[in-house]
N, C-alpha and C. Protein backbone atom coordinates (compact mmCIF):
# COMPACT_ATOMS: atom_id res chain seq x y z
N MET A 1 -9.45 13.71 -12.93
CA MET A 1 -8.67 14.37 -11.89
C MET A 1 -8.83 13.64 -10.56
N GLY A 2 -10.06 13.35 -10.15
CA GLY A 2 -10.30 12.66 -8.89
C GLY A 2 -9.74 11.26 -8.89
N ALA A 3 -9.74 10.62 -10.07
CA ALA A 3 -9.21 9.26 -10.17
C ALA A 3 -7.70 9.26 -9.92
N ASN A 4 -7.02 10.28 -10.42
CA ASN A 4 -5.57 10.37 -10.19
C ASN A 4 -5.26 10.52 -8.71
N ILE A 5 -6.09 11.29 -8.01
CA ILE A 5 -5.89 11.46 -6.57
C ILE A 5 -6.13 10.14 -5.84
N LEU A 6 -7.18 9.42 -6.25
CA LEU A 6 -7.49 8.13 -5.64
C LEU A 6 -6.35 7.13 -5.83
N ILE A 7 -5.79 7.10 -7.03
CA ILE A 7 -4.64 6.22 -7.29
C ILE A 7 -3.44 6.64 -6.45
N SER A 8 -3.20 7.93 -6.37
CA SER A 8 -2.06 8.44 -5.58
C SER A 8 -2.21 8.08 -4.11
N VAL A 9 -3.41 8.19 -3.57
CA VAL A 9 -3.64 7.85 -2.17
C VAL A 9 -3.41 6.36 -1.94
N ALA A 10 -3.91 5.53 -2.85
CA ALA A 10 -3.74 4.08 -2.71
C ALA A 10 -2.25 3.70 -2.76
N LEU A 11 -1.53 4.26 -3.72
CA LEU A 11 -0.10 3.95 -3.83
C LEU A 11 0.69 4.54 -2.66
N GLY A 12 0.31 5.72 -2.22
CA GLY A 12 0.97 6.34 -1.07
C GLY A 12 0.81 5.51 0.19
N ALA A 13 -0.38 4.93 0.39
CA ALA A 13 -0.61 4.08 1.56
C ALA A 13 0.30 2.86 1.52
N VAL A 14 0.47 2.28 0.34
CA VAL A 14 1.37 1.12 0.20
C VAL A 14 2.80 1.51 0.56
N VAL A 15 3.25 2.64 0.05
CA VAL A 15 4.62 3.09 0.30
C VAL A 15 4.84 3.37 1.79
N VAL A 16 3.87 4.02 2.43
CA VAL A 16 4.01 4.34 3.85
C VAL A 16 4.15 3.06 4.68
N VAL A 17 3.27 2.09 4.43
CA VAL A 17 3.32 0.84 5.20
C VAL A 17 4.60 0.08 4.89
N LEU A 18 5.04 0.10 3.64
CA LEU A 18 6.30 -0.56 3.28
C LEU A 18 7.46 0.03 4.06
N PHE A 19 7.56 1.35 4.10
CA PHE A 19 8.66 1.98 4.82
C PHE A 19 8.57 1.79 6.33
N LEU A 20 7.36 1.77 6.86
CA LEU A 20 7.19 1.47 8.29
C LEU A 20 7.70 0.06 8.61
N GLY A 21 7.37 -0.88 7.76
CA GLY A 21 7.85 -2.26 7.95
C GLY A 21 9.36 -2.36 7.83
N LEU A 22 9.92 -1.69 6.84
CA LEU A 22 11.37 -1.72 6.67
C LEU A 22 12.08 -1.06 7.84
N ALA A 23 11.52 0.06 8.31
CA ALA A 23 12.12 0.76 9.45
C ALA A 23 12.07 -0.13 10.69
N ASN A 24 10.98 -0.83 10.88
CA ASN A 24 10.85 -1.72 12.03
C ASN A 24 11.88 -2.85 11.97
N MET A 25 12.10 -3.38 10.76
CA MET A 25 13.08 -4.47 10.62
C MET A 25 14.51 -3.98 10.83
N THR A 26 14.83 -2.78 10.33
CA THR A 26 16.21 -2.30 10.43
C THR A 26 16.59 -1.92 11.85
N ARG A 27 15.62 -1.52 12.66
CA ARG A 27 15.95 -1.18 14.05
C ARG A 27 15.68 -2.34 15.00
N ASP A 28 15.62 -3.54 14.45
CA ASP A 28 15.40 -4.77 15.23
C ASP A 28 14.14 -4.69 16.08
N GLY A 29 13.06 -4.24 15.44
CA GLY A 29 11.77 -4.19 16.12
C GLY A 29 11.16 -5.57 16.23
N SER A 30 9.97 -5.60 16.73
CA SER A 30 9.26 -6.86 16.94
C SER A 30 8.99 -7.55 15.60
N ALA A 31 9.25 -8.84 15.56
CA ALA A 31 8.98 -9.62 14.36
C ALA A 31 7.48 -9.67 14.08
N ASN A 32 6.68 -9.69 15.14
CA ASN A 32 5.23 -9.70 14.96
C ASN A 32 4.75 -8.41 14.30
N THR A 33 5.34 -7.29 14.68
CA THR A 33 4.97 -6.01 14.08
C THR A 33 5.37 -5.98 12.61
N SER A 34 6.56 -6.48 12.31
CA SER A 34 7.00 -6.52 10.91
C SER A 34 6.06 -7.38 10.08
N GLN A 35 5.69 -8.51 10.62
CA GLN A 35 4.79 -9.39 9.88
C GLN A 35 3.42 -8.75 9.68
N LEU A 36 2.91 -8.08 10.70
CA LEU A 36 1.63 -7.39 10.59
C LEU A 36 1.68 -6.29 9.53
N LEU A 37 2.76 -5.52 9.54
CA LEU A 37 2.90 -4.45 8.56
C LEU A 37 3.02 -5.00 7.15
N MET A 38 3.72 -6.11 6.96
CA MET A 38 3.85 -6.69 5.63
C MET A 38 2.52 -7.27 5.16
N ARG A 39 1.72 -7.79 6.08
CA ARG A 39 0.38 -8.26 5.70
C ARG A 39 -0.49 -7.08 5.27
N TRP A 40 -0.39 -5.98 5.99
CA TRP A 40 -1.11 -4.77 5.61
C TRP A 40 -0.66 -4.29 4.23
N ARG A 41 0.65 -4.38 3.97
CA ARG A 41 1.18 -3.96 2.67
C ARG A 41 0.57 -4.78 1.55
N VAL A 42 0.51 -6.09 1.74
CA VAL A 42 -0.05 -6.95 0.70
C VAL A 42 -1.52 -6.61 0.46
N GLY A 43 -2.26 -6.39 1.54
CA GLY A 43 -3.66 -6.02 1.40
C GLY A 43 -3.84 -4.69 0.70
N LEU A 44 -3.01 -3.73 1.05
CA LEU A 44 -3.09 -2.42 0.41
C LEU A 44 -2.67 -2.48 -1.06
N GLN A 45 -1.72 -3.35 -1.37
CA GLN A 45 -1.34 -3.53 -2.78
C GLN A 45 -2.52 -4.07 -3.57
N PHE A 46 -3.25 -5.01 -2.98
CA PHE A 46 -4.42 -5.57 -3.63
C PHE A 46 -5.45 -4.47 -3.89
N VAL A 47 -5.69 -3.65 -2.89
CA VAL A 47 -6.64 -2.54 -3.05
C VAL A 47 -6.15 -1.56 -4.11
N ALA A 48 -4.87 -1.26 -4.11
CA ALA A 48 -4.31 -0.33 -5.10
C ALA A 48 -4.48 -0.88 -6.52
N ILE A 49 -4.26 -2.17 -6.69
CA ILE A 49 -4.45 -2.78 -8.01
C ILE A 49 -5.91 -2.70 -8.43
N LEU A 50 -6.82 -2.96 -7.49
CA LEU A 50 -8.25 -2.85 -7.80
C LEU A 50 -8.61 -1.42 -8.20
N VAL A 51 -8.07 -0.44 -7.49
CA VAL A 51 -8.35 0.96 -7.82
C VAL A 51 -7.83 1.30 -9.21
N ILE A 52 -6.60 0.90 -9.50
CA ILE A 52 -6.02 1.18 -10.82
C ILE A 52 -6.82 0.51 -11.92
N MET A 53 -7.18 -0.74 -11.73
CA MET A 53 -7.96 -1.47 -12.74
C MET A 53 -9.34 -0.82 -12.92
N GLY A 54 -9.94 -0.40 -11.81
CA GLY A 54 -11.24 0.26 -11.89
C GLY A 54 -11.16 1.56 -12.67
N VAL A 55 -10.14 2.34 -12.40
CA VAL A 55 -9.96 3.60 -13.12
C VAL A 55 -9.73 3.35 -14.61
N LEU A 56 -8.90 2.36 -14.92
CA LEU A 56 -8.67 2.04 -16.33
C LEU A 56 -9.95 1.59 -17.00
N TRP A 57 -10.75 0.81 -16.29
CA TRP A 57 -12.02 0.33 -16.86
C TRP A 57 -12.98 1.50 -17.10
N LEU A 58 -13.04 2.42 -16.15
CA LEU A 58 -13.93 3.58 -16.30
C LEU A 58 -13.49 4.51 -17.42
N ARG A 59 -12.20 4.59 -17.64
CA ARG A 59 -11.69 5.49 -18.69
C ARG A 59 -11.82 4.90 -20.10
N SER A 60 -12.05 3.60 -20.20
CA SER A 60 -12.13 2.98 -21.53
C SER A 60 -13.48 3.17 -22.18
């Protein structure tokens, strides 16, 4: 149960940062902000993959 919540939080963080970056790009926001948000997205995706792999490893 706790693992599912951890995965949901990790994936939710990726989605939030993705939409913040897309919103910034569509309203012609700062290119630096868009780039920073996309870097955060990549990092959060890495963390989310690690969390998912860890949960799968623990469940096996």
